[in-house]
C-alpha atoms as a PDB file:
ATOM      1  CA  MET A   1     -32.997  -1.057 -43.605  1.00  0.00           C
ATOM      2  CA  GLY A   2     -32.573  -0.640 -39.890  1.00  0.00           C
ATOM      3  CA  ASP A   3     -32.905  -4.389 -39.544  1.00  0.00           C
ATOM      4  CA  ASN A   4     -29.854  -5.066 -41.781  1.00  0.00           C
ATOM      5  CA  THR A   5     -27.776  -2.515 -39.888  1.00  0.00           C
ATOM      6  CA  VAL A   6     -28.320  -4.327 -36.611  1.00  0.00           C
ATOM      7  CA  TRP A   7     -27.298  -7.657 -38.191  1.00  0.00           C
ATOM      8  CA  ILE A   8     -24.185  -6.163 -39.758  1.00  0.00           C
ATOM      9  CA  ALA A   9     -23.239  -4.468 -36.485  1.00  0.00           C
ATOM     10  CA  GLY A  10     -23.773  -7.729 -34.593  1.00  0.00           C
ATOM     11  CA  ILE A  11     -21.700  -9.764 -37.027  1.00  0.00           C
ATOM     12  CA  THR A  12     -18.953  -7.109 -37.024  1.00  0.00           C
ATOM     13  CA  GLY A  13     -18.892  -7.046 -33.202  1.00  0.00           C
ATOM     14  CA  ALA A  14     -18.832 -10.844 -32.964  1.00  0.00           C
ATOM     15  CA  THR A  15     -16.017 -10.979 -35.534  1.00  0.00           C
ATOM     16  CA  ALA A  16     -14.026  -8.432 -33.516  1.00  0.00           C
ATOM     17  CA  ILE A  17     -14.523 -10.379 -30.288  1.00  0.00           C
ATOM     18  CA  VAL A  18     -13.553 -13.722 -31.870  1.00  0.00           C
ATOM     19  CA  SER A  19     -10.516 -12.227 -33.618  1.00  0.00           C
ATOM     20  CA  GLY A  20      -9.362 -10.593 -30.355  1.00  0.00           C
ATOM     21  CA  TRP A  21      -9.791 -13.900 -28.510  1.00  0.00           C
ATOM     22  CA  LEU A  22      -7.846 -15.796 -31.201  1.00  0.00           C
ATOM     23  CA  THR A  23      -5.098 -13.184 -31.172  1.00  0.00           C
ATOM     24  CA  SER A  24      -4.697 -13.355 -27.399  1.00  0.00           C
ATOM     25  CA  ARG A  25      -4.731 -17.145 -27.483  1.00  0.00           C
ATOM     26  CA  SER A  26      -2.088 -17.213 -30.232  1.00  0.00           C
ATOM     27  CA  GLY A  27       0.012 -14.693 -28.312  1.00  0.00           C
ATOM     28  CA  ALA A  28      -0.185 -16.810 -25.171  1.00  0.00           C
ATOM     29  CA  ARG A  29       0.797 -19.908 -27.146  1.00  0.00           C
ATOM     30  CA  ALA A  30       3.732 -18.094 -28.737  1.00  0.00           C
ATOM     31  CA  LEU A  31       4.860 -16.834 -25.327  1.00  0.00           C
ATOM     32  CA  ARG A  32       4.643 -20.342 -23.865  1.00  0.00           C
ATOM     33  CA  TYR A  33       6.641 -21.726 -26.804  1.00  0.00           C
ATOM     34  CA  GLN A  34       9.284 -19.010 -26.393  1.00  0.00           C
ATOM     35  CA  THR A  35       9.537 -19.673 -22.653  1.00  0.00           C
ATOM     36  CA  ASP A  36       9.848 -23.437 -23.178  1.00  0.00           C
ATOM     37  CA  SER A  37      12.479 -22.900 -25.856  1.00  0.00           C
ATOM     38  CA  ALA A  38      14.522 -20.595 -23.611  1.00  0.00           C
ATOM     39  CA  ALA A  39      14.287 -23.067 -20.717  1.00  0.00           C
ATOM     40  CA  ARG A  40      15.369 -25.952 -22.961  1.00  0.00           C
ATOM     41  CA  SER A  41      18.301 -23.910 -24.257  1.00  0.00           C
ATOM     42  CA  ARG A  42      19.321 -23.011 -20.700  1.00  0.00           C
ATOM     43  CA  ARG A  43      19.162 -26.679 -19.621  1.00  0.00           C
ATOM     44  CA  GLU A  44      21.267 -27.745 -22.608  1.00  0.00           C
ATOM     45  CA  GLU A  45      23.869 -25.063 -21.822  1.00  0.00           C
ATOM     46  CA  GLN A  46      23.990 -26.179 -18.179  1.00  0.00           C
ATOM     47  CA  GLN A  47      24.409 -29.790 -19.298  1.00  0.00           C
ATOM     48  CA  LEU A  48      27.289 -28.804 -21.585  1.00  0.00           C
ATOM     49  CA  GLU A  49      28.918 -26.870 -18.740  1.00  0.00           C
ATOM     50  CA  ARG A  50      28.619 -29.899 -16.448  1.00  0.00           C
ATOM     51  CA  GLN A  51      30.182 -32.098 -19.150  1.00  0.00           C
ATOM     52  CA  ARG A  52      33.059 -29.646 -19.624  1.00  0.00           C
ATOM     53  CA  ALA A  53      33.700 -29.607 -15.876  1.00  0.00           C
ATOM     54  CA  ALA A  54      33.585 -33.408 -15.748  1.00  0.00           C
ATOM     55  CA  TYR A  55      36.021 -33.686 -18.661  1.00  0.00           C
ATOM     56  CA  ALA A  56      38.396 -31.203 -17.012  1.00  0.00           C
ATOM     57  CA  THR A  57      38.259 -33.189 -13.764  1.00  0.00           C
ATOM     58  CA  LEU A  58      38.835 -36.429 -15.665  1.00  0.00           C
ATOM     59  CA  ILE A  59      41.871 -34.982 -17.435  1.00  0.00           C
ATOM     60  CA  GLU A  60      43.224 -33.728 -14.109  1.00  0.00           C
ATOM     61  CA  HIS A  61      42.827 -37.194 -12.593  1.00  0.00           C
ATOM     62  CA  ILE A  62      44.455 -38.813 -15.611  1.00  0.00           C
ATOM     63  CA  HIS A  63      47.482 -36.535 -15.219  1.00  0.00           C
ATOM     64  CA  THR A  64      47.657 -37.355 -11.515  1.00  0.00           C
ATOM     65  CA  VAL A  65      47.471 -41.091 -12.194  1.00  0.00           C
ATOM     66  CA  GLY A  66      50.122 -40.730 -14.904  1.00  0.00           C
ATOM     67  CA  ALA A  67      52.458 -38.961 -12.486  1.00  0.00           C
ATOM     68  CA  LEU A  68      51.853 -41.624  -9.843  1.00  0.00           C
ATOM     69  CA  HIS A  69      52.475 -44.336 -12.419  1.00  0.00           C
ATOM     70  CA  GLY A  70      55.787 -42.736 -13.344  1.00  0.00           C
ATOM     71  CA  GLU A  71      56.774 -42.552  -9.679  1.00  0.00           C
ATOM     72  CA  ALA A  72      55.796 -46.193  -9.209  1.00  0.00           C
ATOM     73  CA  GLN A  73      57.921 -47.205 -12.172  1.00  0.00           C
ATOM     74  CA  LEU A  74      60.845 -45.296 -10.694  1.00  0.00           C
ATOM     75  CA  ALA A  75      60.322 -47.041  -7.355  1.00  0.00           C
ATOM     76  CA  VAL A  76      60.323 -50.424  -9.023  1.00  0.00           C
ATOM     77  CA  ALA A  77      63.271 -49.616 -11.298  1.00  0.00           C
ATOM     78  CA  GLU A  78      65.494 -48.129  -8.558  1.00  0.00           C
ATOM     79  CA  PRO A  79      65.248 -49.710  -5.105  1.00  0.00           C
ATOM     80  CA  ASP A  80      67.712 -47.258  -3.477  1.00  0.00           C
ATOM     81  CA  PRO A  81      65.648 -44.341  -2.030  1.00  0.00           C
ATOM     82  CA  GLN A  82      68.426 -41.768  -2.498  1.00  0.00           C
ATOM     83  CA  LEU A  83      68.970 -42.627  -6.167  1.00  0.00           C
ATOM     84  CA  ARG A  84      65.208 -42.712  -6.666  1.00  0.00           C
ATOM     85  CA  ALA A  85      64.891 -39.188  -5.182  1.00  0.00           C
ATOM     86  CA  ASP A  86      67.701 -37.967  -7.442  1.00  0.00           C
ATOM     87  CA  GLN A  87      65.993 -39.485 -10.468  1.00  0.00           C
ATOM     88  CA  ALA A  88      62.678 -37.912  -9.534  1.00  0.00           C
ATOM     89  CA  ARG A  89      64.322 -34.478  -9.364  1.00  0.00           C
ATOM     90  CA  ASP A  90      66.351 -34.880 -12.559  1.00  0.00           C
ATOM     91  CA  PRO A  91      65.437 -37.964 -14.616  1.00  0.00           C
ATOM     92  CA  SER A  92      68.250 -37.454 -17.112  1.00  0.00           C
ATOM     93  CA  ALA A  93      70.956 -37.310 -14.393  1.00  0.00           C
ATOM     94  CA  SER A  94      71.159 -41.063 -13.991  1.00  0.00           C
ATOM     95  CA  CYS A  95      70.806 -41.848 -17.708  1.00  0.00           C
ATOM     96  CA  HIS A  96      74.376 -41.683 -18.903  1.00  0.00           C
ATOM     97  CA  ASP A  97      74.275 -43.907 -21.966  1.00  0.00           C
ATOM     98  CA  SER A  98      70.549 -44.111 -22.427  1.00  0.00           C
ATOM     99  CA  THR A  99      67.705 -41.897 -23.504  1.00  0.00           C
ATOM    100  CA  THR A 100      64.745 -40.696 -21.473  1.00  0.00           C
ATOM    101  CA  VAL A 101      61.166 -41.429 -22.373  1.00  0.00           C
ATOM    102  CA  SER A 102      58.540 -39.840 -20.142  1.00  0.00           C
ATOM    103  CA  GLY A 103      61.158 -39.235 -17.467  1.00  0.00           C
ATOM    104  CA  LEU A 104      62.299 -42.870 -17.367  1.00  0.00           C
ATOM    105  CA  CYS A 105      65.673 -44.196 -18.484  1.00  0.00           C
ATOM    106  CA  THR A 106      65.644 -46.614 -21.381  1.00  0.00           C
ATOM    107  CA  THR A 107      68.503 -48.367 -23.059  1.00  0.00           C
END
């Protein structure tokens, strides 16, 4: 009977050691997965923030180019610098019988 007790104790101890090892290994794997997932999420958020900043800069440049285009059209449409300056300040001032579209006189 003493012989069976030693075997049972040995098997129980080995089972405890193996289960503890598996638990720690699974915990380490879960921690690694969680860390990788958090890092991936952080990278994606940073990428989105960079895209938002790039889009905002693009829109700013588009508005600047649009303003320059309007000024260029005024320069081409009105060769007199004084009239051009007046039109730039108040586009509707020189449009007596016409309508304004984007700050330019049209007939």
